[in-house]
Amino acid sequence: MPKVSSVIVPYASYLRVYEPLAAFPEPERSHWARYARRPDRPSYQDELRRSLADLLPVPPVAVPVHESADAFVTEVEGVLCVCPWRTRLRGWRALGELGDELPVPVLDAVLPPLVRHQAAQDYERWLTRNPDARPWIRTATWQVPLDWFVLVSDEEREYDKGSGESRGPGADEGAPPVLRYRTPMVQARRRVARGLRTLRDTLDEGPLIDGLLDVGRWLEEFHPRSLVELDYGGLVHVLSAGDLAGDHSAADVAVGIEALRDGDGEAAGEAYGRLVERWQAVRDRRSAN
C-alpha cells in the first residue's frame, strides 16, 4: 500500500450521497452491480492521485478526458448503495470556482488561461447534452461548511483515531484517522427543512441560509432511500488527535439552532463562537508557512 502524505492528500472534506442500485437506469445499474463485486476497488486516495497526475503534463489536463467508471460502495440494511465519482463533472465545476480560491498569477501558472478556456467550452457543450447532470459528491477545501453539519447529528458521528502515532502535515505512518457522519436521506432532508424554518424565522438572509437552501435542493435530486455521508477526508491530516477527538461540530450546530428556536440568543452565540474558533484555526493553516 502506498503511504499517505501531505503531498498526495489535499486538505478537503466531502459530502457524498450513496444511492441504491434501483435508482440507476440500465445499463449503468448492471455496471455498478458488477463493480461492487470487484475486490480491488480504488479508494478516494486513488482518485486524488489520478487528478494530481493530470497536472504534470505540459500543457496540464484540467479535466479528465473521459468520465470515471469508479464509485464508492456501501451497504445500507442489506441494500447495495453506490456513490459514483463523476470525476470529470466535478472537475469542470471545481474549475469554475478556482478563481475564488487562487490569485490570478498562481492560477495561470497551474492552469494556463487557454487550458481553462478550452475546458469551459467543453463543459458548455457537454451540458447541452446532459442538462440534468449532477454530482454525487461535493467537496470543500480547508473546512467543512457549517450548513453540512445541519444534515447530521452527533449520535451519527464515527471517529477512528487510526494506527498512526503522529499527526499533522508530515504524518504518514500507519492507517490514517477517519472522522465522518452517516445518516439516512429522509433524516437529512428533515433536518434541512427544520433548520431552514428556524434560521429564516430568526436571522436575516445570509451565507448559512443560502448554503442550506442549496444543499437541500441538491439532496432532493436523489432517491429517498439514499445514504448521506459527511467525511472529513484529508482534513484529518492537519488536525491533531486531540482536535479530532474533541470536534463535535454537528452538536454545536444543533445546539445553536435549538437555541435560536427557543429565543436564547446567548446560547446560540456561544455555540457559534465555538464553531468559528475551531474552523478559523483550520483555515488559518492554509496560509501558514
Protein backbone atom coordinates (compact mmCIF):
# COMPACT_ATOMS: atom_id res chain seq x y z
CA MET A 1 0.00 0.00 0.00
CA PRO A 2 1.38 3.45 -0.89
CA LYS A 3 1.95 5.78 2.00
CA VAL A 4 -0.32 8.73 2.59
CA SER A 5 1.50 12.03 2.57
CA SER A 6 0.67 15.71 2.74
CA VAL A 7 1.74 15.98 -0.91
CA ILE A 8 -0.87 13.47 -2.02
CA VAL A 9 -3.74 14.32 0.30
CA PRO A 10 -5.45 17.65 -0.41
CA TYR A 11 -7.00 19.14 2.69
CA ALA A 12 -10.60 18.70 1.62
CA SER A 13 -13.83 17.42 3.12
CA TYR A 14 -16.61 15.63 1.26
CA LEU A 15 -20.39 15.40 1.27
CA ARG A 16 -21.46 12.22 -0.52
CA VAL A 17 -24.73 10.57 -1.48
CA TYR A 18 -24.93 6.79 -1.86
CA GLU A 19 -27.95 5.75 -3.92
CA PRO A 20 -29.47 2.23 -4.03
CA LEU A 21 -28.92 0.30 -7.24
CA ALA A 22 -32.61 0.65 -8.05
CA ALA A 23 -32.06 4.39 -8.59
CA PHE A 24 -29.81 3.79 -11.61
CA PRO A 25 -31.13 3.02 -15.10
CA GLU A 26 -29.72 0.22 -17.20
CA PRO A 27 -27.04 -0.42 -18.31
CA GLU A 28 -25.49 1.64 -15.50
CA ARG A 29 -27.22 -0.45 -12.84
CA SER A 30 -25.61 -3.65 -14.11
CA HIS A 31 -22.24 -1.92 -14.32
CA TRP A 32 -22.39 -0.93 -10.66
CA ALA A 33 -23.60 -4.38 -9.62
CA ARG A 34 -20.54 -5.93 -11.29
CA TYR A 35 -18.27 -3.18 -9.97
CA ALA A 36 -19.36 -3.80 -6.37
CA ARG A 37 -18.08 -7.39 -6.60
CA ARG A 38 -14.56 -6.28 -7.51
CA PRO A 39 -12.03 -6.92 -4.73
CA ASP A 40 -9.68 -4.19 -6.00
CA ARG A 41 -11.96 -1.15 -5.95
CA PRO A 42 -9.90 2.06 -5.76
CA SER A 43 -10.11 4.47 -2.82
CA TYR A 44 -10.61 8.24 -2.77
CA GLN A 45 -6.81 8.50 -2.47
CA ASP A 46 -6.52 6.83 -5.87
CA GLU A 47 -8.90 9.37 -7.37
CA LEU A 48 -6.80 12.21 -5.94
CA ARG A 49 -3.56 10.71 -7.26
CA ARG A 50 -5.02 10.46 -10.76
CA SER A 51 -6.22 14.07 -10.65
CA LEU A 52 -2.84 15.34 -9.46
CA ALA A 53 -1.03 13.28 -12.09
CA ASP A 54 -3.09 15.05 -14.78
CA LEU A 55 -1.47 18.35 -13.76
CA LEU A 56 2.03 17.09 -14.59
CA PRO A 57 1.93 17.06 -18.43
CA VAL A 58 2.57 20.21 -20.44
CA PRO A 59 0.01 21.57 -21.02
CA PRO A 60 -1.77 20.13 -17.96
CA VAL A 61 -5.03 18.21 -18.24
CA ALA A 62 -7.53 20.43 -16.43
CA VAL A 63 -10.38 17.92 -16.55
CA PRO A 64 -10.24 14.17 -17.34
CA VAL A 65 -10.95 13.38 -20.99
CA HIS A 66 -13.31 10.55 -20.04
CA GLU A 67 -15.74 10.23 -17.17
CA SER A 68 -14.73 7.95 -14.32
CA ALA A 69 -16.31 4.49 -14.14
CA ASP A 70 -15.45 4.18 -10.43
CA ALA A 71 -17.57 4.70 -7.33
CA PHE A 72 -17.71 4.31 -3.57
CA VAL A 73 -19.82 1.34 -2.47
CA THR A 74 -21.54 0.51 0.81
CA GLU A 75 -24.49 -1.50 2.12
CA VAL A 76 -27.44 0.01 3.96
CA GLU A 77 -29.61 -2.59 5.72
CA GLY A 78 -28.63 -5.17 3.15
CA VAL A 79 -29.19 -2.87 0.16
CA LEU A 80 -26.21 -2.12 -2.06
CA CYS A 81 -25.70 1.64 -2.44
CA VAL A 82 -23.34 3.40 -4.83
CA CYS A 83 -21.78 6.86 -4.93
CA PRO A 84 -20.33 7.43 -8.44
CA TRP A 85 -17.17 9.53 -8.54
CA ARG A 86 -18.15 11.53 -11.64
CA THR A 87 -14.65 13.00 -11.56
CA ARG A 88 -14.98 14.76 -14.91
CA LEU A 89 -18.18 16.59 -13.97
CA ARG A 90 -16.78 17.56 -10.58
CA GLY A 91 -13.58 18.74 -12.25
CA TRP A 92 -15.50 21.08 -14.55
CA ARG A 93 -17.43 22.51 -11.63
CA ALA A 94 -14.34 22.93 -9.48
CA LEU A 95 -12.56 24.67 -12.34
CA GLY A 96 -15.24 27.35 -12.36
CA GLU A 97 -14.62 28.02 -8.66
CA LEU A 98 -10.82 28.24 -8.81
CA GLY A 99 -10.90 31.97 -9.47
CA ASP A 100 -12.24 32.48 -5.95
CA GLU A 101 -9.60 30.20 -4.42
CA LEU A 102 -6.32 31.24 -6.05
CA PRO A 103 -4.69 34.55 -7.06
CA VAL A 104 -4.69 35.01 -10.83
CA PRO A 105 -0.87 34.66 -11.26
CA VAL A 106 -0.92 31.36 -9.34
CA LEU A 107 -3.95 30.11 -11.25
CA ASP A 108 -2.35 30.99 -14.60
CA ALA A 109 0.82 29.14 -13.60
CA VAL A 110 -1.05 26.00 -12.60
CA LEU A 111 -3.64 26.06 -15.38
CA PRO A 112 -2.93 28.46 -18.27
CA PRO A 113 -5.88 30.59 -19.46
CA LEU A 114 -6.06 28.71 -22.78
CA VAL A 115 -6.42 25.38 -20.96
CA ARG A 116 -9.18 26.77 -18.72
CA HIS A 117 -10.99 28.32 -21.67
CA GLN A 118 -10.96 25.06 -23.61
CA ALA A 119 -12.26 23.15 -20.57
CA ALA A 120 -15.07 25.68 -20.11
CA GLN A 121 -16.11 25.31 -23.74
CA ASP A 122 -16.10 21.51 -23.42
CA TYR A 123 -18.31 21.79 -20.33
CA GLU A 124 -20.83 24.05 -22.10
CA ARG A 125 -21.12 21.60 -24.99
CA TRP A 126 -21.47 18.67 -22.61
CA LEU A 127 -24.20 20.43 -20.59
CA THR A 128 -26.35 20.90 -23.70
CA ARG A 129 -26.45 17.10 -24.00
CA ASN A 130 -26.73 16.44 -20.24
CA PRO A 131 -28.79 19.31 -18.75
CA ASP A 132 -29.91 17.34 -15.68
CA ALA A 133 -26.48 16.06 -14.65
CA ARG A 134 -25.48 16.44 -11.02
CA PRO A 135 -22.58 15.12 -8.93
CA TRP A 136 -22.98 12.62 -6.10
CA ILE A 137 -20.07 14.26 -4.26
CA ARG A 138 -19.49 17.81 -3.03
CA THR A 139 -16.05 19.00 -1.93
CA ALA A 140 -14.86 21.81 0.34
CA THR A 141 -11.21 22.75 0.90
CA TRP A 142 -9.75 23.62 4.31
CA GLN A 143 -13.14 23.46 6.01
CA VAL A 144 -16.40 21.63 6.50
CA PRO A 145 -19.17 24.12 5.58
CA LEU A 146 -21.38 24.75 8.58
CA ASP A 147 -24.55 24.05 6.59
CA TRP A 148 -23.33 20.47 6.04
CA PHE A 149 -23.46 19.84 9.77
CA VAL A 150 -27.19 20.63 9.78
CA LEU A 151 -27.75 17.35 7.90
CA VAL A 152 -26.30 15.11 10.62
CA SER A 153 -26.37 14.61 14.37
CA ASP A 154 -23.67 14.00 16.95
CA GLU A 155 -25.07 10.49 17.57
CA GLU A 156 -24.14 9.61 13.97
CA ARG A 157 -20.53 10.66 14.44
CA GLU A 158 -17.94 7.94 13.67
CA TYR A 159 -14.36 8.54 14.79
CA ASP A 160 -11.48 6.10 14.34
CA LYS A 161 -8.15 7.51 15.50
CA GLY A 162 -6.24 5.20 13.12
CA SER A 163 -2.97 3.42 13.78
CA GLY A 164 -0.55 6.29 13.10
CA GLU A 165 1.38 7.57 16.12
CA SER A 166 1.92 11.09 14.83
CA ARG A 167 -0.45 13.64 13.40
CA GLY A 168 -0.08 16.78 11.36
CA PRO A 169 1.00 17.64 7.80
CA GLY A 170 4.01 15.30 7.90
CA ALA A 171 2.27 12.29 9.39
CA ASP A 172 2.35 9.30 7.06
CA GLU A 173 2.75 6.23 9.25
CA GLY A 174 0.02 3.66 9.75
CA ALA A 175 -3.66 3.91 8.91
CA PRO A 176 -4.96 7.49 8.94
CA PRO A 177 -7.79 8.50 11.26
CA VAL A 178 -11.36 8.72 10.00
CA LEU A 179 -14.00 11.18 11.10
CA ARG A 180 -17.35 11.00 9.39
CA TYR A 181 -21.11 11.10 9.81
CA ARG A 182 -23.66 8.93 8.01
CA THR A 183 -27.41 9.48 8.01
CA PRO A 184 -30.46 8.32 6.00
CA MET A 185 -31.57 10.70 3.26
CA VAL A 186 -35.02 11.16 4.80
CA GLN A 187 -33.42 12.28 8.06
CA ALA A 188 -31.05 14.68 6.29
CA ARG A 189 -33.94 16.29 4.38
CA ARG A 190 -35.99 16.59 7.56
CA ARG A 191 -33.15 18.37 9.34
CA VAL A 192 -32.65 20.75 6.42
CA ALA A 193 -36.32 21.72 6.42
CA ARG A 194 -36.41 22.16 10.20
CA GLY A 195 -33.16 24.13 10.24
CA LEU A 196 -34.29 26.43 7.43
CA ARG A 197 -37.53 27.24 9.23
CA THR A 198 -35.64 28.26 12.36
CA LEU A 199 -32.96 30.26 10.54
CA ARG A 200 -35.47 32.15 8.40
CA ASP A 201 -37.59 32.96 11.45
CA THR A 202 -34.66 34.27 13.49
CA LEU A 203 -31.93 35.52 11.14
CA ASP A 204 -31.57 37.78 8.14
CA GLU A 205 -30.73 36.22 4.81
CA GLY A 206 -27.07 35.24 4.68
CA PRO A 207 -24.49 32.62 3.64
CA LEU A 208 -25.72 29.97 6.10
CA ILE A 209 -29.30 30.12 4.82
CA ASP A 210 -28.17 30.30 1.19
CA GLY A 211 -25.86 27.34 1.66
CA LEU A 212 -28.52 25.25 3.37
CA LEU A 213 -31.02 26.05 0.63
CA ASP A 214 -28.51 24.94 -2.00
CA VAL A 215 -27.70 21.69 -0.19
CA GLY A 216 -31.40 20.99 0.34
CA ARG A 217 -32.16 21.37 -3.37
CA TRP A 218 -29.26 19.05 -4.19
CA LEU A 219 -30.50 16.35 -1.81
CA GLU A 220 -33.95 16.43 -3.40
CA GLU A 221 -32.44 15.09 -6.63
CA PHE A 222 -31.63 11.70 -5.13
CA HIS A 223 -33.52 8.54 -4.23
CA PRO A 224 -35.28 8.84 -0.83
CA ARG A 225 -33.60 5.66 0.42
CA SER A 226 -30.11 7.03 -0.17
CA LEU A 227 -27.40 7.42 2.45
CA VAL A 228 -25.75 10.81 3.12
CA GLU A 229 -22.13 10.86 4.29
CA LEU A 230 -20.14 13.81 5.64
CA ASP A 231 -16.45 12.85 5.57
CA TYR A 232 -13.59 14.96 6.95
CA GLY A 233 -11.40 13.42 4.24
CA GLY A 234 -7.93 14.98 4.06
CA LEU A 235 -8.63 17.38 6.93
CA VAL A 236 -7.66 14.59 9.34
CA HIS A 237 -4.05 15.17 8.26
CA VAL A 238 -3.93 18.75 9.54
CA LEU A 239 -5.84 18.22 12.77
CA SER A 240 -4.22 16.74 15.86
CA ALA A 241 -5.62 13.62 17.51
CA GLY A 242 -6.91 15.82 20.32
CA ASP A 243 -8.63 18.21 17.91
CA LEU A 244 -10.28 15.34 16.07
CA ALA A 245 -11.44 13.62 19.24
CA GLY A 246 -12.85 16.86 20.60
CA ASP A 247 -14.51 18.01 17.39
CA HIS A 248 -18.29 17.83 17.84
CA SER A 249 -19.24 20.46 15.31
CA ALA A 250 -22.56 18.81 14.44
CA ALA A 251 -23.55 19.01 18.11
CA ASP A 252 -22.58 22.71 18.25
CA VAL A 253 -24.66 23.46 15.14
CA ALA A 254 -27.65 21.59 16.59
CA VAL A 255 -27.30 23.44 19.91
CA GLY A 256 -27.11 26.77 18.11
CA ILE A 257 -30.21 26.12 16.00
CA GLU A 258 -32.15 24.85 19.00
CA ALA A 259 -31.15 27.94 20.98
CA LEU A 260 -32.38 30.19 18.17
CA ARG A 261 -35.65 28.26 18.11
CA ASP A 262 -36.03 28.87 21.85
CA GLY A 263 -35.11 32.54 21.60
CA ASP A 264 -31.89 32.07 23.58
CA GLY A 265 -29.51 34.35 21.71
CA GLU A 266 -26.74 33.97 24.29
CA ALA A 267 -26.56 30.18 23.95
CA ALA A 268 -26.74 30.45 20.17
CA GLY A 269 -23.87 32.93 20.19
CA GLU A 270 -21.74 30.67 22.37
CA ALA A 271 -22.27 27.70 20.05
CA TYR A 272 -21.48 29.82 17.00
CA GLY A 273 -18.36 31.16 18.71
CA ARG A 274 -17.05 27.63 19.29
CA LEU A 275 -17.60 26.79 15.63
CA VAL A 276 -15.93 29.96 14.34
CA GLU A 277 -12.92 29.49 16.59
CA ARG A 278 -12.50 25.84 15.61
CA TRP A 279 -12.80 26.29 11.86
CA GLN A 280 -10.94 29.58 11.65
CA ALA A 281 -7.97 27.79 13.20
CA VAL A 282 -8.15 25.20 10.42
CA ARG A 283 -8.45 27.79 7.64
CA ASP A 284 -5.55 29.78 9.07
CA ARG A 285 -3.27 26.81 8.40
CA ARG A 286 -3.91 27.25 4.70
CA SER A 287 -1.64 30.29 4.62
CA ALA A 288 0.79 29.10 7.31
CA ASN A 289 4.38 28.89 6.16
